[in-house]
Amino acid sequence: MNHTFQTFFTPANSGHPRNYEMLKEEHEVAVVGVPQNPAPPMSTMIHFHSETSMPDHVVWSLFNTLFMNSGCLGFIAFVYSMKSRERKKVGDLTRAQAYASTAKCLNIWALIVDIVMTILLSIIPVLIFQVY
C-alpha cells in the first residue's frame, strides 16, 4: 500500500500564504473595480435544440388511405401517423416513436396486401379468358 503524506501547513519562510491563488484572484478583481459602463451587463445564452428528424409517415399513410385502402389499413395507419405527429409536437418523443412505428408497420402491410391483390386481380382474368 502506498501512503502519501501531505502537509496542510505552509512553511513560514516560503513567503506565500496558504491560499495564494485565491488571494491573487481577489486582488485582480479589486484592481479591475466596478465597470465604467452604466448599462446593465448583457449575457449571451446559447440554446441547443436536439430536434431529431423522426418520421411520422403521414404522406405515406395518406397515399395508402386514398389509393390503396384495402381492409382500411391505410386509414388506420393515417390515424397512427397523426397521433405520432401530435405527440412529437407536445414533446413526448417515446410515444411519438411508438405511434410512428405502428404506422410504418401498417403502411407496409397495406402496401403488401395491395400489391398482392393487384397481381391477383390482373392474373385471374387472364387465366379465366385463357381457359375459354
Protein backbone atom coordinates (compact mmCIF):
# COMPACT_ATOMS: atom_id res chain seq x y z
CA MET A 1 0.00 0.00 0.00
CA ASN A 2 1.29 3.38 -0.92
CA HIS A 3 0.52 6.04 1.65
CA THR A 4 1.43 9.58 0.81
CA PHE A 5 1.74 12.22 3.44
CA GLN A 6 0.53 15.71 2.59
CA THR A 7 1.19 18.72 4.70
CA PHE A 8 -1.58 21.14 5.20
CA PHE A 9 0.68 23.73 6.82
CA THR A 10 2.73 26.12 4.76
CA PRO A 11 6.19 26.83 5.98
CA ALA A 12 6.71 30.25 7.46
CA ASN A 13 9.72 31.01 5.27
CA SER A 14 8.04 30.32 1.90
CA GLY A 15 6.74 33.87 1.61
CA HIS A 16 3.36 32.85 0.21
CA PRO A 17 0.21 32.39 2.23
CA ARG A 18 -1.66 29.12 2.10
CA ASN A 19 -4.33 30.25 -0.37
CA TYR A 20 -2.10 32.25 -2.69
CA GLU A 21 -4.20 31.64 -5.80
CA MET A 22 -7.40 32.75 -4.14
CA LEU A 23 -5.82 35.94 -2.78
CA LYS A 24 -4.32 36.69 -6.18
CA GLU A 25 -7.75 36.41 -7.83
CA GLU A 26 -9.29 38.66 -5.20
CA HIS A 27 -6.57 41.22 -5.85
CA GLU A 28 -7.18 41.13 -9.60
CA VAL A 29 -10.90 41.68 -9.05
CA ALA A 30 -10.18 44.59 -6.76
CA VAL A 31 -7.84 46.19 -9.33
CA VAL A 32 -10.41 45.88 -12.12
CA GLY A 33 -13.04 47.50 -9.95
CA VAL A 34 -16.57 48.46 -10.87
CA PRO A 35 -17.45 48.55 -14.56
CA GLN A 36 -17.44 52.05 -16.03
CA ASN A 37 -20.42 51.40 -18.33
CA PRO A 38 -23.76 52.33 -16.68
CA ALA A 39 -25.66 49.86 -18.89
CA PRO A 40 -26.54 46.52 -17.31
CA PRO A 41 -24.26 43.69 -18.34
CA MET A 42 -25.51 41.66 -21.29
CA SER A 43 -25.41 37.89 -21.25
CA THR A 44 -25.41 35.54 -24.18
CA MET A 45 -27.37 32.31 -23.98
CA ILE A 46 -26.87 29.53 -26.43
CA HIS A 47 -29.81 27.18 -26.87
CA PHE A 48 -29.12 23.73 -28.26
CA HIS A 49 -32.15 22.19 -29.86
CA SER A 50 -31.85 18.45 -30.11
CA GLU A 51 -34.50 18.27 -32.78
CA THR A 52 -34.35 14.81 -34.16
CA SER A 53 -35.90 14.18 -37.51
CA MET A 54 -38.25 11.41 -36.59
CA PRO A 55 -40.54 10.49 -39.49
CA ASP A 56 -44.24 10.20 -38.77
CA HIS A 57 -45.16 8.67 -42.18
CA VAL A 58 -48.17 10.97 -42.75
CA VAL A 59 -47.67 11.27 -46.52
CA TRP A 60 -47.27 7.53 -46.99
CA SER A 61 -50.36 6.89 -44.84
CA LEU A 62 -52.37 9.45 -46.79
CA PHE A 63 -51.33 7.81 -50.05
CA ASN A 64 -52.36 4.39 -48.74
CA THR A 65 -55.64 5.84 -47.49
CA LEU A 66 -56.57 7.44 -50.80
CA PHE A 67 -55.32 4.86 -53.28
CA MET A 68 -54.67 1.54 -51.53
CA ASN A 69 -57.12 1.28 -48.67
CA SER A 70 -57.63 -2.45 -48.56
CA GLY A 71 -59.10 -3.52 -45.27
CA CYS A 72 -58.86 0.07 -44.00
CA LEU A 73 -55.17 -0.45 -43.19
CA GLY A 74 -54.28 2.85 -44.87
CA PHE A 75 -56.81 4.78 -42.80
CA ILE A 76 -55.67 3.17 -39.55
CA ALA A 77 -52.06 3.95 -40.48
CA PHE A 78 -53.09 7.55 -41.15
CA VAL A 79 -54.66 7.80 -37.68
CA TYR A 80 -51.48 6.49 -36.04
CA SER A 81 -49.39 8.89 -38.13
CA MET A 82 -51.46 11.83 -36.92
CA LYS A 83 -51.13 10.62 -33.32
CA SER A 84 -47.38 10.42 -33.82
CA ARG A 85 -47.27 13.97 -35.17
CA GLU A 86 -49.30 15.28 -32.21
CA ARG A 87 -47.07 13.51 -29.67
CA LYS A 88 -43.97 14.90 -31.38
CA LYS A 89 -45.33 18.45 -31.16
CA VAL A 90 -46.10 18.01 -27.48
CA GLY A 91 -42.59 16.68 -26.84
CA ASP A 92 -43.42 13.08 -25.94
CA LEU A 93 -40.83 11.50 -28.24
CA THR A 94 -41.10 7.94 -26.91
CA ARG A 95 -44.85 7.77 -27.54
CA ALA A 96 -44.39 9.51 -30.91
CA GLN A 97 -41.81 6.90 -31.90
CA ALA A 98 -44.18 4.09 -30.88
CA TYR A 99 -47.04 5.54 -32.93
CA ALA A 100 -44.75 6.14 -35.92
CA SER A 101 -43.51 2.56 -35.74
CA THR A 102 -47.08 1.25 -35.71
CA ALA A 103 -47.99 3.50 -38.66
CA LYS A 104 -44.97 2.26 -40.60
CA CYS A 105 -45.87 -1.37 -39.96
CA LEU A 106 -49.47 -0.79 -41.03
CA ASN A 107 -48.31 1.03 -44.17
CA ILE A 108 -46.02 -1.86 -45.09
CA TRP A 109 -48.83 -4.37 -44.63
CA ALA A 110 -51.24 -2.21 -46.64
CA LEU A 111 -48.69 -1.98 -49.45
CA ILE A 112 -48.04 -5.74 -49.45
CA VAL A 113 -51.76 -6.60 -49.41
CA ASP A 114 -52.49 -4.15 -52.22
CA ILE A 115 -49.63 -5.40 -54.40
CA VAL A 116 -50.77 -8.99 -53.94
CA MET A 117 -54.39 -8.02 -54.69
CA THR A 118 -53.31 -6.09 -57.81
CA ILE A 119 -51.31 -9.06 -59.08
CA LEU A 120 -54.16 -11.48 -58.38
CA LEU A 121 -56.75 -9.23 -59.99
CA SER A 122 -54.61 -8.92 -63.11
CA ILE A 123 -53.73 -12.64 -63.35
CA ILE A 124 -57.15 -14.16 -62.61
CA PRO A 125 -58.94 -12.59 -65.62
CA VAL A 126 -56.11 -13.65 -67.91
CA LEU A 127 -56.35 -17.22 -66.64
CA ILE A 128 -60.15 -17.24 -66.93
CA PHE A 129 -60.17 -15.94 -70.52
CA GLN A 130 -57.35 -18.31 -71.46
CA VAL A 131 -59.41 -21.33 -70.44
CA TYR A 132 -62.39 -20.29 -72.57
